[in-house]
Amino acid sequence: MKKIIISLLTVLSALFILTACGNKKADYTEKAAESALNSGKNIEGKTVKFKVDQIDPNSSFGYNLQTGKHLNFVDSKNPNVKKGDTVTVKVKKVTSTLGSWIISYTDLKK
């Protein structure tokens, strides 16, 4: 009986650890990312989770996913998301143009 209980606890512990590793929390939400950028922090290399408020496939910067007050997540490829989707991206590069943040990204996950 002890062997069964120890085996069961071992399997449950391993499952718990694997589940926790698979659900990594983003470094920033859209509000926290915008606040960090406005205060001069560098968020390059960090992950941001946000809800897509607007999509502009023909912007000057490429395919533009807009969120927050002045956040524009841009890429040259169609990310195949729609307005209202919540996505997580890894920030590649951030620039400021005309009061808005232009953010290139990688690793988009729905």
C-alpha atoms as a PDB file:
ATOM      1  CA  MET A   1       0.000   0.000   0.000  1.00  0.00           C
ATOM      2  CA  LYS A   2       2.869   2.378   0.817  1.00  0.00           C
ATOM      3  CA  LYS A   3       4.389   1.796  -2.630  1.00  0.00           C
ATOM      4  CA  ILE A   4       1.116   2.706  -4.328  1.00  0.00           C
ATOM      5  CA  ILE A   5       0.754   5.918  -2.324  1.00  0.00           C
ATOM      6  CA  ILE A   6       4.373   6.937  -2.919  1.00  0.00           C
ATOM      7  CA  SER A   7       4.032   6.186  -6.643  1.00  0.00           C
ATOM      8  CA  LEU A   8       0.800   8.166  -6.859  1.00  0.00           C
ATOM      9  CA  LEU A   9       2.329  11.141  -5.041  1.00  0.00           C
ATOM     10  CA  THR A  10       5.369  11.050  -7.323  1.00  0.00           C
ATOM     11  CA  VAL A  11       3.239  11.047 -10.466  1.00  0.00           C
ATOM     12  CA  LEU A  12       0.987  13.835  -9.179  1.00  0.00           C
ATOM     13  CA  SER A  13       4.003  15.940  -8.196  1.00  0.00           C
ATOM     14  CA  ALA A  14       5.556  15.517 -11.644  1.00  0.00           C
ATOM     15  CA  LEU A  15       2.276  16.486 -13.335  1.00  0.00           C
ATOM     16  CA  PHE A  16       1.964  19.563 -11.127  1.00  0.00           C
ATOM     17  CA  ILE A  17       5.504  20.692 -11.955  1.00  0.00           C
ATOM     18  CA  LEU A  18       5.056  20.128 -15.707  1.00  0.00           C
ATOM     19  CA  THR A  19       1.750  22.010 -15.708  1.00  0.00           C
ATOM     20  CA  ALA A  20       3.293  24.977 -13.887  1.00  0.00           C
ATOM     21  CA  CYS A  21       6.204  25.123 -16.349  1.00  0.00           C
ATOM     22  CA  GLY A  22       3.916  25.185 -19.376  1.00  0.00           C
ATOM     23  CA  ASN A  23       1.875  28.212 -18.252  1.00  0.00           C
ATOM     24  CA  LYS A  24       4.482  30.915 -18.007  1.00  0.00           C
ATOM     25  CA  LYS A  25       3.060  34.297 -17.069  1.00  0.00           C
ATOM     26  CA  ALA A  26       3.792  37.274 -19.333  1.00  0.00           C
ATOM     27  CA  ASP A  27       6.223  39.906 -18.038  1.00  0.00           C
ATOM     28  CA  TYR A  28       3.785  42.764 -18.748  1.00  0.00           C
ATOM     29  CA  THR A  29       0.146  43.475 -19.443  1.00  0.00           C
ATOM     30  CA  GLU A  30      -0.645  46.157 -22.023  1.00  0.00           C
ATOM     31  CA  LYS A  31      -1.154  48.792 -19.298  1.00  0.00           C
ATOM     32  CA  ALA A  32       2.004  47.849 -17.424  1.00  0.00           C
ATOM     33  CA  ALA A  33       4.039  47.825 -20.663  1.00  0.00           C
ATOM     34  CA  GLU A  34       2.798  51.266 -21.676  1.00  0.00           C
ATOM     35  CA  SER A  35       3.486  52.630 -18.213  1.00  0.00           C
ATOM     36  CA  ALA A  36       6.990  51.134 -18.233  1.00  0.00           C
ATOM     37  CA  LEU A  37       7.753  52.638 -21.644  1.00  0.00           C
ATOM     38  CA  ASN A  38       6.399  56.051 -20.617  1.00  0.00           C
ATOM     39  CA  SER A  39       8.683  56.009 -17.566  1.00  0.00           C
ATOM     40  CA  GLY A  40      11.755  55.199 -19.681  1.00  0.00           C
ATOM     41  CA  LYS A  41      12.126  51.474 -18.999  1.00  0.00           C
ATOM     42  CA  ASN A  42      13.423  49.073 -21.646  1.00  0.00           C
ATOM     43  CA  ILE A  43      11.035  46.168 -22.290  1.00  0.00           C
ATOM     44  CA  GLU A  44      12.947  44.619 -25.195  1.00  0.00           C
ATOM     45  CA  GLY A  45      13.189  40.852 -24.747  1.00  0.00           C
ATOM     46  CA  LYS A  46      10.184  40.810 -22.403  1.00  0.00           C
ATOM     47  CA  THR A  47       6.740  39.311 -23.054  1.00  0.00           C
ATOM     48  CA  VAL A  48       3.542  41.364 -23.219  1.00  0.00           C
ATOM     49  CA  LYS A  49       0.005  39.996 -23.009  1.00  0.00           C
ATOM     50  CA  PHE A  50      -2.653  42.241 -24.552  1.00  0.00           C
ATOM     51  CA  LYS A  51      -6.115  42.364 -26.080  1.00  0.00           C
ATOM     52  CA  VAL A  52      -6.183  43.485 -29.719  1.00  0.00           C
ATOM     53  CA  ASP A  53      -8.291  46.670 -29.851  1.00  0.00           C
ATOM     54  CA  GLN A  54      -7.760  47.569 -33.516  1.00  0.00           C
ATOM     55  CA  ILE A  55      -6.080  45.983 -36.517  1.00  0.00           C
ATOM     56  CA  ASP A  56      -4.552  48.002 -39.344  1.00  0.00           C
ATOM     57  CA  PRO A  57      -3.144  45.675 -42.009  1.00  0.00           C
ATOM     58  CA  ASN A  58      -1.897  48.554 -44.181  1.00  0.00           C
ATOM     59  CA  SER A  59      -0.142  50.847 -41.718  1.00  0.00           C
ATOM     60  CA  SER A  60       3.148  52.562 -42.545  1.00  0.00           C
ATOM     61  CA  PHE A  61       4.902  50.135 -40.211  1.00  0.00           C
ATOM     62  CA  GLY A  62       3.337  46.909 -41.475  1.00  0.00           C
ATOM     63  CA  TYR A  63       0.564  44.821 -39.989  1.00  0.00           C
ATOM     64  CA  ASN A  64      -0.387  46.835 -36.894  1.00  0.00           C
ATOM     65  CA  LEU A  65      -2.095  45.441 -33.781  1.00  0.00           C
ATOM     66  CA  GLN A  66      -3.198  48.410 -31.671  1.00  0.00           C
ATOM     67  CA  THR A  67      -3.892  48.295 -27.952  1.00  0.00           C
ATOM     68  CA  GLY A  68      -3.782  50.617 -24.958  1.00  0.00           C
ATOM     69  CA  LYS A  69      -3.547  54.353 -25.555  1.00  0.00           C
ATOM     70  CA  HIS A  70      -0.467  54.411 -27.786  1.00  0.00           C
ATOM     71  CA  LEU A  71       0.829  50.861 -28.271  1.00  0.00           C
ATOM     72  CA  ASN A  72       1.298  49.539 -31.801  1.00  0.00           C
ATOM     73  CA  PHE A  73       2.601  45.989 -32.199  1.00  0.00           C
ATOM     74  CA  VAL A  74       3.815  45.692 -35.799  1.00  0.00           C
ATOM     75  CA  ASP A  75       5.067  42.949 -38.076  1.00  0.00           C
ATOM     76  CA  SER A  76       5.424  42.519 -41.828  1.00  0.00           C
ATOM     77  CA  LYS A  77       3.388  39.288 -41.759  1.00  0.00           C
ATOM     78  CA  ASN A  78      -0.319  38.772 -41.043  1.00  0.00           C
ATOM     79  CA  PRO A  79      -0.514  37.374 -37.489  1.00  0.00           C
ATOM     80  CA  ASN A  80      -3.935  35.804 -38.183  1.00  0.00           C
ATOM     81  CA  VAL A  81      -5.662  37.364 -35.181  1.00  0.00           C
ATOM     82  CA  LYS A  82      -8.872  39.332 -34.975  1.00  0.00           C
ATOM     83  CA  LYS A  83     -10.115  42.279 -32.967  1.00  0.00           C
ATOM     84  CA  GLY A  84     -10.816  41.177 -29.396  1.00  0.00           C
ATOM     85  CA  ASP A  85      -8.256  38.339 -29.348  1.00  0.00           C
ATOM     86  CA  THR A  86      -5.855  38.215 -26.418  1.00  0.00           C
ATOM     87  CA  VAL A  87      -2.292  37.448 -27.471  1.00  0.00           C
ATOM     88  CA  THR A  88       1.164  37.240 -25.920  1.00  0.00           C
ATOM     89  CA  VAL A  89       4.232  38.431 -27.824  1.00  0.00           C
ATOM     90  CA  LYS A  90       7.943  38.760 -27.164  1.00  0.00           C
ATOM     91  CA  VAL A  91       9.142  42.332 -27.706  1.00  0.00           C
ATOM     92  CA  LYS A  92      11.960  42.593 -30.239  1.00  0.00           C
ATOM     93  CA  LYS A  93      12.437  46.351 -30.649  1.00  0.00           C
ATOM     94  CA  VAL A  94      10.676  49.502 -29.408  1.00  0.00           C
ATOM     95  CA  THR A  95      10.720  52.960 -30.981  1.00  0.00           C
ATOM     96  CA  SER A  96       8.708  56.097 -30.317  1.00  0.00           C
ATOM     97  CA  THR A  97       7.088  57.936 -33.223  1.00  0.00           C
ATOM     98  CA  LEU A  98       4.729  60.923 -32.923  1.00  0.00           C
ATOM     99  CA  GLY A  99       3.750  60.054 -29.354  1.00  0.00           C
ATOM    100  CA  SER A 100       3.059  56.370 -30.050  1.00  0.00           C
ATOM    101  CA  TRP A 101       5.123  53.297 -29.301  1.00  0.00           C
ATOM    102  CA  ILE A 102       6.001  51.169 -32.335  1.00  0.00           C
ATOM    103  CA  ILE A 103       6.879  47.675 -31.111  1.00  0.00           C
ATOM    104  CA  SER A 104       8.205  44.871 -33.302  1.00  0.00           C
ATOM    105  CA  TYR A 105       7.703  41.406 -31.865  1.00  0.00           C
ATOM    106  CA  THR A 106       8.249  37.679 -32.252  1.00  0.00           C
ATOM    107  CA  ASP A 107       6.601  34.525 -30.924  1.00  0.00           C
ATOM    108  CA  LEU A 108       2.924  35.570 -31.072  1.00  0.00           C
ATOM    109  CA  LYS A 109       0.756  33.162 -29.074  1.00  0.00           C
ATOM    110  CA  LYS A 110      -3.015  33.224 -28.784  1.00  0.00           C
END
